[in-house]
Amino acid sequence: DSVARYQVLYGPLPGNSVQVLQVDGRHNSTVVEHLAPNTTYLVTVTAV
């Protein structure tokens, strides 16, 4: 209840281009789209 929102950061590895999705604090999942095939991504979920 104490989380206002989540930020989902994702970007291909290696690399430093990062995109951010904002997710309402009541939700616990999201779909990340428009990605490159056969690529490893680092995904960071931040609770704000």
All heavy atoms as atom14 arrays in JSON, in Angstrom:
{
  "sequence": "DSVARYQVLYGPLPGNSVQVLQVDGRHNSTVVEHLAPNTTYLVTVTAV",
  "atom14_mask": [
    [1, 1, 1, 1, 1, 1, 1, 1, 0, 0, 0, 0, 0, 0],
    [1, 1, 1, 1, 1, 1, 0, 0, 0, 0, 0, 0, 0, 0],
    [1, 1, 1, 1, 1, 1, 1, 0, 0, 0, 0, 0, 0, 0],
    [1, 1, 1, 1, 1, 0, 0, 0, 0, 0, 0, 0, 0, 0],
    [1, 1, 1, 1, 1, 1, 1, 1, 1, 1, 1, 0, 0, 0],
    [1, 1, 1, 1, 1, 1, 1, 1, 1, 1, 1, 1, 0, 0],
    [1, 1, 1, 1, 1, 1, 1, 1, 1, 0, 0, 0, 0, 0],
    [1, 1, 1, 1, 1, 1, 1, 0, 0, 0, 0, 0, 0, 0],
    [1, 1, 1, 1, 1, 1, 1, 1, 0, 0, 0, 0, 0, 0],
    [1, 1, 1, 1, 1, 1, 1, 1, 1, 1, 1, 1, 0, 0],
    [1, 1, 1, 1, 0, 0, 0, 0, 0, 0, 0, 0, 0, 0],
    [1, 1, 1, 1, 1, 1, 1, 0, 0, 0, 0, 0, 0, 0],
    [1, 1, 1, 1, 1, 1, 1, 1, 0, 0, 0, 0, 0, 0],
    [1, 1, 1, 1, 1, 1, 1, 0, 0, 0, 0, 0, 0, 0],
    [1, 1, 1, 1, 0, 0, 0, 0, 0, 0, 0, 0, 0, 0],
    [1, 1, 1, 1, 1, 1, 1, 1, 0, 0, 0, 0, 0, 0],
    [1, 1, 1, 1, 1, 1, 0, 0, 0, 0, 0, 0, 0, 0],
    [1, 1, 1, 1, 1, 1, 1, 0, 0, 0, 0, 0, 0, 0],
    [1, 1, 1, 1, 1, 1, 1, 1, 1, 0, 0, 0, 0, 0],
    [1, 1, 1, 1, 1, 1, 1, 0, 0, 0, 0, 0, 0, 0],
    [1, 1, 1, 1, 1, 1, 1, 1, 0, 0, 0, 0, 0, 0],
    [1, 1, 1, 1, 1, 1, 1, 1, 1, 0, 0, 0, 0, 0],
    [1, 1, 1, 1, 1, 1, 1, 0, 0, 0, 0, 0, 0, 0],
    [1, 1, 1, 1, 1, 1, 1, 1, 0, 0, 0, 0, 0, 0],
    [1, 1, 1, 1, 0, 0, 0, 0, 0, 0, 0, 0, 0, 0],
    [1, 1, 1, 1, 1, 1, 1, 1, 1, 1, 1, 0, 0, 0],
    [1, 1, 1, 1, 1, 1, 1, 1, 1, 1, 0, 0, 0, 0],
    [1, 1, 1, 1, 1, 1, 1, 1, 0, 0, 0, 0, 0, 0],
    [1, 1, 1, 1, 1, 1, 0, 0, 0, 0, 0, 0, 0, 0],
    [1, 1, 1, 1, 1, 1, 1, 0, 0, 0, 0, 0, 0, 0],
    [1, 1, 1, 1, 1, 1, 1, 0, 0, 0, 0, 0, 0, 0],
    [1, 1, 1, 1, 1, 1, 1, 0, 0, 0, 0, 0, 0, 0],
    [1, 1, 1, 1, 1, 1, 1, 1, 1, 0, 0, 0, 0, 0],
    [1, 1, 1, 1, 1, 1, 1, 1, 1, 1, 0, 0, 0, 0],
    [1, 1, 1, 1, 1, 1, 1, 1, 0, 0, 0, 0, 0, 0],
    [1, 1, 1, 1, 1, 0, 0, 0, 0, 0, 0, 0, 0, 0],
    [1, 1, 1, 1, 1, 1, 1, 0, 0, 0, 0, 0, 0, 0],
    [1, 1, 1, 1, 1, 1, 1, 1, 0, 0, 0, 0, 0, 0],
    [1, 1, 1, 1, 1, 1, 1, 0, 0, 0, 0, 0, 0, 0],
    [1, 1, 1, 1, 1, 1, 1, 0, 0, 0, 0, 0, 0, 0],
    [1, 1, 1, 1, 1, 1, 1, 1, 1, 1, 1, 1, 0, 0],
    [1, 1, 1, 1, 1, 1, 1, 1, 0, 0, 0, 0, 0, 0],
    [1, 1, 1, 1, 1, 1, 1, 0, 0, 0, 0, 0, 0, 0],
    [1, 1, 1, 1, 1, 1, 1, 0, 0, 0, 0, 0, 0, 0],
    [1, 1, 1, 1, 1, 1, 1, 0, 0, 0, 0, 0, 0, 0],
    [1, 1, 1, 1, 1, 1, 1, 0, 0, 0, 0, 0, 0, 0],
    [1, 1, 1, 1, 1, 0, 0, 0, 0, 0, 0, 0, 0, 0],
    [1, 1, 1, 1, 1, 1, 1, 0, 0, 0, 0, 0, 0, 0]
  ],
  "atom14_positions": [
    [[0.82, -1.22, 0.0], [0.0, 0.0, 0.0], [0.85, 1.26, 0.0], [0.42, 2.32, -0.43], [-0.88, 0.03, 1.25], [-1.98, -1.0, 1.18], [-2.24, -1.48, 0.06], [-2.55, -1.33, 2.23], [0.0, 0.0, 0.0], [0.0, 0.0, 0.0], [0.0, 0.0, 0.0], [0.0, 0.0, 0.0], [0.0, 0.0, 0.0], [0.0, 0.0, 0.0]],
    [[2.06, 1.14, 0.54], [2.87, 2.35, 0.7], [3.62, 2.73, -0.57], [4.36, 3.7, -0.57], [3.87, 2.12, 1.82], [4.52, 0.89, 1.59], [0.0, 0.0, 0.0], [0.0, 0.0, 0.0], [0.0, 0.0, 0.0], [0.0, 0.0, 0.0], [0.0, 0.0, 0.0], [0.0, 0.0, 0.0], [0.0, 0.0, 0.0], [0.0, 0.0, 0.0]],
    [[3.44, 1.95, -1.65], [4.11, 2.29, -2.91], [3.18, 3.15, -3.76], [2.04, 2.79, -4.02], [4.49, 1.0, -3.68], [5.05, 1.35, -5.06], [5.51, 0.2, -2.89], [0.0, 0.0, 0.0], [0.0, 0.0, 0.0], [0.0, 0.0, 0.0], [0.0, 0.0, 0.0], [0.0, 0.0, 0.0], [0.0, 0.0, 0.0], [0.0, 0.0, 0.0]],
    [[3.68, 4.31, -4.16], [2.88, 5.21, -4.99], [2.87, 4.73, -6.43], [1.85, 4.73, -7.11], [3.42, 6.63, -4.9], [0.0, 0.0, 0.0], [0.0, 0.0, 0.0], [0.0, 0.0, 0.0], [0.0, 0.0, 0.0], [0.0, 0.0, 0.0], [0.0, 0.0, 0.0], [0.0, 0.0, 0.0], [0.0, 0.0, 0.0], [0.0, 0.0, 0.0]],
    [[4.05, 4.33, -6.93], [4.13, 3.85, -8.31], [5.41, 3.05, -8.46], [6.29, 3.08, -7.61], [4.13, 5.03, -9.29], [5.27, 5.97, -9.15], [5.06, 7.28, -9.92], [5.93, 8.32, -9.39], [7.18, 8.51, -9.8], [7.7, 7.75, -10.73], [7.91, 9.46, -9.27], [0.0, 0.0, 0.0], [0.0, 0.0, 0.0], [0.0, 0.0, 0.0]],
    [[5.45, 2.32, -9.55], [6.65, 1.56, -9.91], [7.21, 2.14, -11.2], [6.45, 2.59, -12.06], [6.32, 0.08, -10.13], [5.87, -0.62, -8.88], [4.52, -0.75, -8.59], [6.79, -1.15, -7.99], [4.09, -1.4, -7.44], [6.37, -1.81, -6.83], [5.02, -1.93, -6.56], [4.61, -2.56, -5.43], [0.0, 0.0, 0.0], [0.0, 0.0, 0.0]],
    [[8.53, 2.11, -11.31], [9.17, 2.46, -12.57], [9.85, 1.21, -13.08], [10.59, 0.56, -12.35], [10.23, 3.54, -12.35], [9.64, 4.89, -12.04], [10.72, 5.92, -11.74], [11.83, 5.58, -11.4], [10.38, 7.17, -11.88], [0.0, 0.0, 0.0], [0.0, 0.0, 0.0], [0.0, 0.0, 0.0], [0.0, 0.0, 0.0], [0.0, 0.0, 0.0]],
    [[9.58, 0.87, -14.32], [10.24, -0.27, -14.94], [11.22, 0.28, -15.98], [10.8, 0.89, -16.96], [9.21, -1.21, -15.61], [9.91, -2.39, -16.26], [8.19, -1.69, -14.57], [0.0, 0.0, 0.0], [0.0, 0.0, 0.0], [0.0, 0.0, 0.0], [0.0, 0.0, 0.0], [0.0, 0.0, 0.0], [0.0, 0.0, 0.0], [0.0, 0.0, 0.0]],
    [[12.5, 0.11, -15.71], [13.54, 0.56, -16.64], [14.06, -0.65, -17.39], [14.29, -1.7, -16.79], [14.71, 1.2, -15.89], [14.5, 2.62, -15.34], [13.6, 2.61, -14.14], [15.84, 3.23, -14.99], [0.0, 0.0, 0.0], [0.0, 0.0, 0.0], [0.0, 0.0, 0.0], [0.0, 0.0, 0.0], [0.0, 0.0, 0.0], [0.0, 0.0, 0.0]],
    [[14.25, -0.51, -18.7], [14.79, -1.64, -19.45], [15.66, -1.14, -20.59], [15.43, -0.06, -21.14], [13.65, -2.53, -19.98], [12.69, -1.82, -20.91], [12.82, -1.93, -22.3], [11.65, -1.05, -20.39], [11.94, -1.27, -23.14], [10.77, -0.4, -21.24], [10.92, -0.51, -22.61], [10.06, 0.14, -23.45], [0.0, 0.0, 0.0], [0.0, 0.0, 0.0]],
    [[16.67, -1.92, -20.89], [17.57, -1.57, -21.98], [18.39, -2.78, -22.36], [18.62, -3.67, -21.54], [0.0, 0.0, 0.0], [0.0, 0.0, 0.0], [0.0, 0.0, 0.0], [0.0, 0.0, 0.0], [0.0, 0.0, 0.0], [0.0, 0.0, 0.0], [0.0, 0.0, 0.0], [0.0, 0.0, 0.0], [0.0, 0.0, 0.0], [0.0, 0.0, 0.0]],
    [[18.84, -2.85, -23.63], [19.61, -4.0, -24.09], [20.99, -4.03, -23.44], [21.56, -2.99, -23.11], [19.71, -3.78, -25.6], [19.48, -2.31, -25.81], [18.62, -1.84, -24.68], [0.0, 0.0, 0.0], [0.0, 0.0, 0.0], [0.0, 0.0, 0.0], [0.0, 0.0, 0.0], [0.0, 0.0, 0.0], [0.0, 0.0, 0.0], [0.0, 0.0, 0.0]],
    [[21.49, -5.24, -23.25], [22.85, -5.43, -22.75], [23.71, -5.94, -23.89], [23.28, -6.84, -24.63], [22.86, -6.48, -21.64], [22.29, -6.04, -20.29], [22.21, -7.23, -19.36], [23.13, -4.94, -19.68], [0.0, 0.0, 0.0], [0.0, 0.0, 0.0], [0.0, 0.0, 0.0], [0.0, 0.0, 0.0], [0.0, 0.0, 0.0], [0.0, 0.0, 0.0]],
    [[24.95, -5.51, -24.08], [25.45, -4.31, -23.41], [24.85, -3.1, -24.06], [24.31, -3.17, -25.14], [26.96, -4.4, -23.66], [27.05, -5.13, -24.98], [25.89, -6.09, -25.02], [0.0, 0.0, 0.0], [0.0, 0.0, 0.0], [0.0, 0.0, 0.0], [0.0, 0.0, 0.0], [0.0, 0.0, 0.0], [0.0, 0.0, 0.0], [0.0, 0.0, 0.0]],
    [[24.95, -1.98, -23.43], [24.38, -0.76, -24.0], [23.93, 0.16, -22.91], [23.85, -0.24, -21.74], [0.0, 0.0, 0.0], [0.0, 0.0, 0.0], [0.0, 0.0, 0.0], [0.0, 0.0, 0.0], [0.0, 0.0, 0.0], [0.0, 0.0, 0.0], [0.0, 0.0, 0.0], [0.0, 0.0, 0.0], [0.0, 0.0, 0.0], [0.0, 0.0, 0.0]],
    [[23.64, 1.4, -23.24], [23.2, 2.33, -22.2], [21.93, 3.07, -22.61], [21.63, 4.1, -22.05], [24.32, 3.32, -21.85], [24.91, 3.95, -23.09], [24.31, 3.87, -24.16], [26.08, 4.56, -22.96], [0.0, 0.0, 0.0], [0.0, 0.0, 0.0], [0.0, 0.0, 0.0], [0.0, 0.0, 0.0], [0.0, 0.0, 0.0], [0.0, 0.0, 0.0]],
    [[21.21, 2.54, -23.61], [19.93, 3.17, -23.92], [18.88, 2.53, -23.03], [18.7, 1.32, -23.04], [19.57, 2.96, -25.39], [19.34, 1.6, -25.63], [0.0, 0.0, 0.0], [0.0, 0.0, 0.0], [0.0, 0.0, 0.0], [0.0, 0.0, 0.0], [0.0, 0.0, 0.0], [0.0, 0.0, 0.0], [0.0, 0.0, 0.0], [0.0, 0.0, 0.0]],
    [[18.25, 3.34, -22.22], [17.28, 2.82, -21.25], [15.94, 3.48, -21.48], [15.87, 4.69, -21.71], [17.77, 3.1, -19.81], [16.7, 2.72, -18.8], [19.04, 2.34, -19.53], [0.0, 0.0, 0.0], [0.0, 0.0, 0.0], [0.0, 0.0, 0.0], [0.0, 0.0, 0.0], [0.0, 0.0, 0.0], [0.0, 0.0, 0.0], [0.0, 0.0, 0.0]],
    [[14.88, 2.67, -21.44], [13.54, 3.23, -21.5], [12.83, 3.0, -20.18], [13.16, 2.07, -19.44], [12.77, 2.62, -22.67], [13.13, 3.34, -23.96], [12.9, 2.48, -25.17], [13.59, 1.48, -25.34], [11.95, 2.86, -25.99], [0.0, 0.0, 0.0], [0.0, 0.0, 0.0], [0.0, 0.0, 0.0], [0.0, 0.0, 0.0], [0.0, 0.0, 0.0]],
    [[11.84, 3.84, -19.91], [11.16, 3.8, -18.61], [9.66, 3.65, -18.83], [9.08, 4.35, -19.66], [11.4, 5.1, -17.81], [10.75, 4.99, -16.44], [12.88, 5.38, -17.68], [0.0, 0.0, 0.0], [0.0, 0.0, 0.0], [0.0, 0.0, 0.0], [0.0, 0.0, 0.0], [0.0, 0.0, 0.0], [0.0, 0.0, 0.0], [0.0, 0.0, 0.0]],
    [[9.07, 2.73, -18.11], [7.6, 2.62, -18.05], [7.18, 3.0, -16.64], [7.79, 2.54, -15.67], [7.16, 1.17, -18.31], [7.23, 0.64, -19.73], [6.96, -0.85, -19.72], [6.2, 1.35, -20.6], [0.0, 0.0, 0.0], [0.0, 0.0, 0.0], [0.0, 0.0, 0.0], [0.0, 0.0, 0.0], [0.0, 0.0, 0.0], [0.0, 0.0, 0.0]],
    [[6.12, 3.81, -16.53], [5.58, 4.13, -15.21], [4.36, 3.24, -14.98], [3.51, 3.12, -15.85], [5.12, 5.6, -15.15], [6.2, 6.6, -15.51], [7.18, 6.84, -14.38], [6.99, 6.37, -13.26], [8.22, 7.59, -14.68], [0.0, 0.0, 0.0], [0.0, 0.0, 0.0], [0.0, 0.0, 0.0], [0.0, 0.0, 0.0], [0.0, 0.0, 0.0]],
    [[4.31, 2.6, -13.82], [3.21, 1.68, -13.53], [2.57, 2.1, -12.2], [3.26, 2.39, -11.23], [3.72, 0.23, -13.43], [2.57, -0.73, -13.15], [4.46, -0.17, -14.7], [0.0, 0.0, 0.0], [0.0, 0.0, 0.0], [0.0, 0.0, 0.0], [0.0, 0.0, 0.0], [0.0, 0.0, 0.0], [0.0, 0.0, 0.0], [0.0, 0.0, 0.0]],
    [[1.26, 2.15, -12.2], [0.51, 2.51, -11.0], [0.87, 1.57, -9.84], [1.07, 0.37, -10.04], [-0.99, 2.39, -11.32], [-1.85, 2.87, -10.18], [-1.95, 2.14, -9.18], [-2.42, 3.95, -10.29], [0.0, 0.0, 0.0], [0.0, 0.0, 0.0], [0.0, 0.0, 0.0], [0.0, 0.0, 0.0], [0.0, 0.0, 0.0], [0.0, 0.0, 0.0]],
    [[0.94, 2.11, -8.64], [1.34, 1.32, -7.48], [0.4, 0.18, -7.14], [0.77, -0.72, -6.38], [0.0, 0.0, 0.0], [0.0, 0.0, 0.0], [0.0, 0.0, 0.0], [0.0, 0.0, 0.0], [0.0, 0.0, 0.0], [0.0, 0.0, 0.0], [0.0, 0.0, 0.0], [0.0, 0.0, 0.0], [0.0, 0.0, 0.0], [0.0, 0.0, 0.0]],
    [[-0.81, 0.17, -7.7], [-1.73, -0.94, -7.41], [-1.44, -2.15, -8.29], [-1.98, -3.23, -8.06], [-3.18, -0.51, -7.65], [-3.7, 0.53, -6.68], [-5.17, 0.76, -6.9], [-5.44, 1.19, -8.26], [-5.62, 2.46, -8.61], [-5.56, 3.4, -7.71], [-5.87, 2.79, -9.86], [0.0, 0.0, 0.0], [0.0, 0.0, 0.0], [0.0, 0.0, 0.0]],
    [[-0.64, -1.97, -9.32], [-0.38, -3.07, -10.26], [0.95, -3.74, -9.97], [1.86, -3.11, -9.43], [-0.39, -2.55, -11.7], [-1.71, -1.96, -12.09], [-2.87, -2.69, -12.14], [-2.06, -0.69, -12.42], [-3.88, -1.9, -12.5], [-3.41, -0.68, -12.67], [0.0, 0.0, 0.0], [0.0, 0.0, 0.0], [0.0, 0.0, 0.0], [0.0, 0.0, 0.0]],
    [[1.06, -5.0, -10.35], [2.31, -5.7, -10.1], [2.87, -6.35, -11.35], [3.68, -7.26, -11.27], [2.14, -6.75, -9.0], [1.4, -7.96, -9.5], [0.51, -7.83, -10.34], [1.76, -9.13, -9.01], [0.0, 0.0, 0.0], [0.0, 0.0, 0.0], [0.0, 0.0, 0.0], [0.0, 0.0, 0.0], [0.0, 0.0, 0.0], [0.0, 0.0, 0.0]],
    [[2.43, -5.88, -12.52], [3.01, -6.44, -13.73], [2.81, -5.47, -14.89], [1.97, -4.57, -14.82], [2.38, -7.79, -14.08], [1.02, -7.61, -14.42], [0.0, 0.0, 0.0], [0.0, 0.0, 0.0], [0.0, 0.0, 0.0], [0.0, 0.0, 0.0], [0.0, 0.0, 0.0], [0.0, 0.0, 0.0], [0.0, 0.0, 0.0], [0.0, 0.0, 0.0]],
    [[3.6, -5.67, -15.94], [3.45, -4.88, -17.15], [4.06, -5.66, -18.3], [4.8, -6.62, -18.09], [4.12, -3.49, -16.99], [3.75, -2.69, -18.11], [5.64, -3.61, -16.95], [0.0, 0.0, 0.0], [0.0, 0.0, 0.0], [0.0, 0.0, 0.0], [0.0, 0.0, 0.0], [0.0, 0.0, 0.0], [0.0, 0.0, 0.0], [0.0, 0.0, 0.0]],
    [[3.72, -5.26, -19.52], [4.31, -5.88, -20.7], [5.25, -4.89, -21.34], [4.9, -3.72, -21.54], [3.22, -6.32, -21.71], [3.86, -6.86, -22.98], [2.31, -7.37, -21.08], [0.0, 0.0, 0.0], [0.0, 0.0, 0.0], [0.0, 0.0, 0.0], [0.0, 0.0, 0.0], [0.0, 0.0, 0.0], [0.0, 0.0, 0.0], [0.0, 0.0, 0.0]],
    [[6.47, -5.33, -21.61], [7.46, -4.49, -22.29], [7.45, -4.9, -23.76], [7.59, -6.09, -24.07], [8.86, -4.69, -21.67], [9.89, -3.83, -22.39], [8.81, -4.35, -20.18], [0.0, 0.0, 0.0], [0.0, 0.0, 0.0], [0.0, 0.0, 0.0], [0.0, 0.0, 0.0], [0.0, 0.0, 0.0], [0.0, 0.0, 0.0], [0.0, 0.0, 0.0]],
    [[7.25, -3.93, -24.67], [7.06, -4.25, -26.08], [8.08, -3.52, -26.95], [8.91, -2.76, -26.45], [5.66, -3.84, -26.52], [4.57, -4.61, -25.8], [3.19, -4.11, -26.15], [2.95, -2.9, -26.05], [2.35, -4.96, -26.52], [0.0, 0.0, 0.0], [0.0, 0.0, 0.0], [0.0, 0.0, 0.0], [0.0, 0.0, 0.0], [0.0, 0.0, 0.0]],
    [[7.99, -3.78, -28.29], [8.84, -3.13, -29.3], [10.31, -3.4, -29.03], [11.14, -2.49, -29.08], [8.57, -1.61, -29.34], [7.11, -1.28, -29.39], [6.28, -1.72, -30.41], [6.32, -0.6, -28.53], [5.04, -1.3, -30.17], [5.04, -0.63, -29.04], [0.0, 0.0, 0.0], [0.0, 0.0, 0.0], [0.0, 0.0, 0.0], [0.0, 0.0, 0.0]],
    [[10.61, -4.66, -28.74], [11.99, -5.02, -28.43], [12.66, -5.68, -29.64], [11.99, -6.11, -30.57], [12.01, -6.01, -27.24], [11.32, -5.48, -25.98], [11.27, -6.56, -24.93], [12.03, -4.24, -25.46], [0.0, 0.0, 0.0], [0.0, 0.0, 0.0], [0.0, 0.0, 0.0], [0.0, 0.0, 0.0], [0.0, 0.0, 0.0], [0.0, 0.0, 0.0]],
    [[13.97, -5.77, -29.58], [14.72, -6.46, -30.63], [14.75, -7.95, -30.32], [14.89, -8.34, -29.15], [16.13, -5.91, -30.7], [0.0, 0.0, 0.0], [0.0, 0.0, 0.0], [0.0, 0.0, 0.0], [0.0, 0.0, 0.0], [0.0, 0.0, 0.0], [0.0, 0.0, 0.0], [0.0, 0.0, 0.0], [0.0, 0.0, 0.0], [0.0, 0.0, 0.0]],
    [[14.62, -8.82, -31.34], [14.68, -10.26, -31.07], [16.08, -10.7, -30.66], [17.07, -10.03, -30.95], [14.27, -10.9, -32.41], [14.35, -9.82, -33.44], [14.33, -8.5, -32.74], [0.0, 0.0, 0.0], [0.0, 0.0, 0.0], [0.0, 0.0, 0.0], [0.0, 0.0, 0.0], [0.0, 0.0, 0.0], [0.0, 0.0, 0.0], [0.0, 0.0, 0.0]],
    [[16.11, -11.84, -29.96], [17.36, -12.5, -29.6], [18.33, -11.54, -28.9], [19.51, -11.49, -29.22], [18.01, -13.09, -30.87], [19.0, -14.19, -30.5], [18.98, -14.69, -29.38], [19.86, -14.55, -31.43], [0.0, 0.0, 0.0], [0.0, 0.0, 0.0], [0.0, 0.0, 0.0], [0.0, 0.0, 0.0], [0.0, 0.0, 0.0], [0.0, 0.0, 0.0]],
    [[17.79, -10.76, -27.97], [18.59, -9.75, -27.27], [18.37, -9.92, -25.77], [17.28, -10.25, -25.32], [18.14, -8.34, -27.7], [18.27, -8.25, -29.12], [18.97, -7.25, -27.05], [0.0, 0.0, 0.0], [0.0, 0.0, 0.0], [0.0, 0.0, 0.0], [0.0, 0.0, 0.0], [0.0, 0.0, 0.0], [0.0, 0.0, 0.0], [0.0, 0.0, 0.0]],
    [[19.45, -9.71, -25.01], [19.34, -9.74, -23.56], [19.08, -8.32, -23.05], [19.78, -7.39, -23.45], [20.62, -10.28, -22.92], [20.86, -11.59, -23.43], [20.51, -10.34, -21.4], [0.0, 0.0, 0.0], [0.0, 0.0, 0.0], [0.0, 0.0, 0.0], [0.0, 0.0, 0.0], [0.0, 0.0, 0.0], [0.0, 0.0, 0.0], [0.0, 0.0, 0.0]],
    [[18.07, -8.19, -22.21], [17.73, -6.9, -21.63], [17.95, -6.94, -20.12], [17.7, -7.96, -19.49], [16.26, -6.55, -21.9], [16.01, -6.12, -23.32], [15.79, -7.05, -24.33], [15.98, -4.77, -23.66], [15.57, -6.66, -25.64], [15.76, -4.35, -24.97], [15.56, -5.3, -25.95], [15.35, -4.9, -27.23], [0.0, 0.0, 0.0], [0.0, 0.0, 0.0]],
    [[18.38, -5.8, -19.59], [18.4, -5.64, -18.14], [17.13, -4.89, -17.76], [16.85, -3.81, -18.31], [19.63, -4.85, -17.69], [19.73, -4.7, -16.17], [19.95, -6.05, -15.5], [20.86, -3.74, -15.8], [0.0, 0.0, 0.0], [0.0, 0.0, 0.0], [0.0, 0.0, 0.0], [0.0, 0.0, 0.0], [0.0, 0.0, 0.0], [0.0, 0.0, 0.0]],
    [[16.37, -5.47, -16.85], [15.1, -4.88, -16.41], [15.24, -4.52, -14.94], [15.62, -5.36, -14.13], [13.94, -5.89, -16.58], [12.62, -5.26, -16.13], [13.86, -6.36, -18.02], [0.0, 0.0, 0.0], [0.0, 0.0, 0.0], [0.0, 0.0, 0.0], [0.0, 0.0, 0.0], [0.0, 0.0, 0.0], [0.0, 0.0, 0.0], [0.0, 0.0, 0.0]],
    [[14.96, -3.28, -14.58], [15.02, -2.84, -13.19], [13.66, -2.32, -12.78], [13.12, -1.43, -13.42], [16.08, -1.75, -12.99], [17.34, -2.25, -13.41], [16.17, -1.32, -11.53], [0.0, 0.0, 0.0], [0.0, 0.0, 0.0], [0.0, 0.0, 0.0], [0.0, 0.0, 0.0], [0.0, 0.0, 0.0], [0.0, 0.0, 0.0], [0.0, 0.0, 0.0]],
    [[13.11, -2.9, -11.72], [11.84, -2.42, -11.17], [12.14, -1.6, -9.93], [12.79, -2.09, -9.0], [10.91, -3.6, -10.83], [9.61, -3.08, -10.18], [10.59, -4.42, -12.08], [0.0, 0.0, 0.0], [0.0, 0.0, 0.0], [0.0, 0.0, 0.0], [0.0, 0.0, 0.0], [0.0, 0.0, 0.0], [0.0, 0.0, 0.0], [0.0, 0.0, 0.0]],
    [[11.71, -0.35, -9.93], [11.92, 0.53, -8.79], [10.57, 0.85, -8.15], [9.66, 1.32, -8.83], [12.6, 1.85, -9.23], [13.84, 1.54, -9.83], [12.83, 2.77, -8.03], [0.0, 0.0, 0.0], [0.0, 0.0, 0.0], [0.0, 0.0, 0.0], [0.0, 0.0, 0.0], [0.0, 0.0, 0.0], [0.0, 0.0, 0.0], [0.0, 0.0, 0.0]],
    [[10.46, 0.57, -6.85], [9.26, 0.95, -6.1], [9.48, 2.36, -5.57], [10.46, 2.61, -4.88], [9.04, -0.02, -4.95], [0.0, 0.0, 0.0], [0.0, 0.0, 0.0], [0.0, 0.0, 0.0], [0.0, 0.0, 0.0], [0.0, 0.0, 0.0], [0.0, 0.0, 0.0], [0.0, 0.0, 0.0], [0.0, 0.0, 0.0], [0.0, 0.0, 0.0]],
    [[8.58, 3.27, -5.92], [8.66, 4.64, -5.42], [7.61, 4.78, -4.31], [6.41, 4.75, -4.57], [8.4, 5.66, -6.55], [8.52, 7.09, -6.0], [9.37, 5.44, -7.7], [0.0, 0.0, 0.0], [0.0, 0.0, 0.0], [0.0, 0.0, 0.0], [0.0, 0.0, 0.0], [0.0, 0.0, 0.0], [0.0, 0.0, 0.0], [0.0, 0.0, 0.0]]
  ]
}
